[in-house]
Structure formats: C-alpha cells, structure tokens
Amino acid sequence: MTTPDPLGVQIGAREIYDKLNGVERQLSDVDRKVDRLVAGHDGLRADIADVRADIADHEARVRTLERGRWPLPSLAALVSLAALVVGLLGLFTKGG
C-alpha cells in the first residue's frame, strides 16, 4: 500500500498531458520568433554591407576633393610672397 500525500495533492496524467501541450505551444511560438529574428538579422547584415560600401565610396570622394585642393593654399602663399618681393623691390629702387 502507498502512503497518501500529506498535502492531499494529486496530479493525474491528464493534467501532465495538458501542461505538456501548453509548453509545446509556447516553445513553438518561441521558435517562430527566433526564426523571424534570424531572418531580420540576415537582412540587417545586407544593409550593413551596403552602408559600409557607401561609406567607402564617400571616403574616396572626400580624399579626391582633398587632393585637388592642396595647391590652392600653396598658390596663395606664393602669390603673397611674390607681392612682398615686388613691394620690397619697389621700395628699395625708389629709395636709392
């Protein structure tokens, strides 16, 4: 003979079966959500690759513009130096 449970709680096979079905449904819901997350992650990875390509293209364009602008300050310095030399020559030739 078996001793009765002191709390008087008995769980039958039907309750266990119903609970197992509930857990199975919840697990199925989680599985679908994980599949959606994985699909979204794959799309995100493609978007990130596009953004990286755009950044690389933008960086190349900026570098090209920077290379084209370097002569301007140098040219301005040379013109101002030439103006200074011409001014000094004019000052010394008139004074002498």
Protein backbone atom coordinates (compact mmCIF):
# COMPACT_ATOMS: atom_id res chain seq x y z
CA MET A 1 0.00 0.00 0.00
CA THR A 2 1.21 3.51 -0.76
CA THR A 3 1.20 6.29 1.73
CA PRO A 4 -1.07 9.18 0.88
CA ASP A 5 0.39 12.58 0.17
CA PRO A 6 0.29 14.67 3.36
CA LEU A 7 -0.82 17.77 1.41
CA GLY A 8 -3.56 15.94 -0.41
CA VAL A 9 -2.29 16.96 -3.89
CA GLN A 10 -2.67 14.50 -6.71
CA ILE A 11 -1.67 15.19 -10.28
CA GLY A 12 -3.17 12.96 -12.90
CA ALA A 13 -1.94 12.02 -16.34
CA ARG A 14 -4.46 14.41 -17.96
CA GLU A 15 -3.03 17.43 -16.12
CA ILE A 16 0.50 16.43 -17.09
CA TYR A 17 -0.59 15.98 -20.73
CA ASP A 18 -2.34 19.38 -20.84
CA LYS A 19 0.66 21.11 -19.30
CA LEU A 20 2.99 19.41 -21.79
CA ASN A 21 0.81 20.59 -24.69
CA GLY A 22 0.92 24.16 -23.32
CA VAL A 23 4.71 24.03 -23.07
CA GLU A 24 4.89 22.67 -26.62
CA ARG A 25 2.78 25.59 -27.92
CA GLN A 26 4.94 28.11 -26.10
CA LEU A 27 8.08 26.50 -27.47
CA SER A 28 6.62 26.65 -30.97
CA ASP A 29 5.90 30.37 -30.51
CA VAL A 30 9.47 30.97 -29.35
CA ASP A 31 10.80 29.00 -32.32
CA ARG A 32 8.82 31.18 -34.76
CA LYS A 33 10.08 34.33 -33.08
CA VAL A 34 13.67 33.12 -33.29
CA ASP A 35 13.20 32.35 -36.99
CA ARG A 36 11.89 35.90 -37.56
CA LEU A 37 14.86 37.34 -35.68
CA VAL A 38 17.31 35.31 -37.74
CA ALA A 39 15.64 36.44 -40.97
CA GLY A 40 15.76 40.06 -39.81
CA HIS A 41 19.40 39.68 -38.83
CA ASP A 42 20.28 38.40 -42.31
CA GLY A 43 18.56 41.41 -43.86
CA LEU A 44 20.37 43.69 -41.45
CA ARG A 45 23.69 42.17 -42.41
CA ALA A 46 23.00 43.01 -46.07
CA ASP A 47 22.02 46.57 -45.09
CA ILE A 48 25.24 46.98 -43.10
CA ALA A 49 27.27 45.83 -46.11
CA ASP A 50 25.52 48.45 -48.25
CA VAL A 51 26.22 51.16 -45.67
CA ARG A 52 29.89 50.17 -45.49
CA ALA A 53 30.13 50.37 -49.28
CA ASP A 54 28.51 53.82 -49.22
CA ILE A 55 30.95 54.99 -46.53
CA ALA A 56 33.92 53.70 -48.52
CA ASP A 57 32.64 55.48 -51.63
CA HIS A 58 32.10 58.70 -49.67
CA GLU A 59 35.60 58.45 -48.17
CA ALA A 60 37.13 58.01 -51.65
CA ARG A 61 35.29 61.07 -52.94
CA VAL A 62 36.39 63.21 -49.99
CA ARG A 63 40.00 62.11 -50.46
CA THR A 64 39.81 63.07 -54.15
CA LEU A 65 38.48 66.51 -53.25
CA GLU A 66 41.19 66.98 -50.64
CA ARG A 67 43.92 66.09 -53.14
CA GLY A 68 42.54 68.63 -55.59
CA ARG A 69 42.51 71.45 -53.03
CA TRP A 70 46.08 71.30 -51.73
CA PRO A 71 47.55 73.60 -54.45
CA LEU A 72 45.22 76.49 -53.54
CA PRO A 73 46.86 77.45 -50.22
CA SER A 74 50.31 76.92 -51.69
CA LEU A 75 49.45 79.09 -54.67
CA ALA A 76 48.09 81.82 -52.37
CA ALA A 77 51.31 81.74 -50.32
CA LEU A 78 53.43 82.02 -53.46
CA VAL A 79 51.40 84.96 -54.81
CA SER A 80 51.63 86.80 -51.48
CA LEU A 81 55.38 86.16 -51.33
CA ALA A 82 55.77 87.46 -54.89
CA ALA A 83 53.74 90.56 -53.97
CA LEU A 84 56.01 91.12 -50.98
CA VAL A 85 59.13 90.81 -53.13
CA VAL A 86 57.72 93.19 -55.74
CA GLY A 87 56.77 95.65 -52.99
CA LEU A 88 60.20 95.49 -51.40
CA LEU A 89 61.92 95.90 -54.77
CA GLY A 90 59.77 98.93 -55.50
CA LEU A 91 60.59 100.39 -52.10
CA PHE A 92 64.34 99.90 -52.43
CA THR A 93 64.60 101.01 -56.05
CA LYS A 94 62.71 104.27 -55.43
CA GLY A 95 64.63 104.97 -52.30
CA GLY A 96 68.04 104.58 -53.89
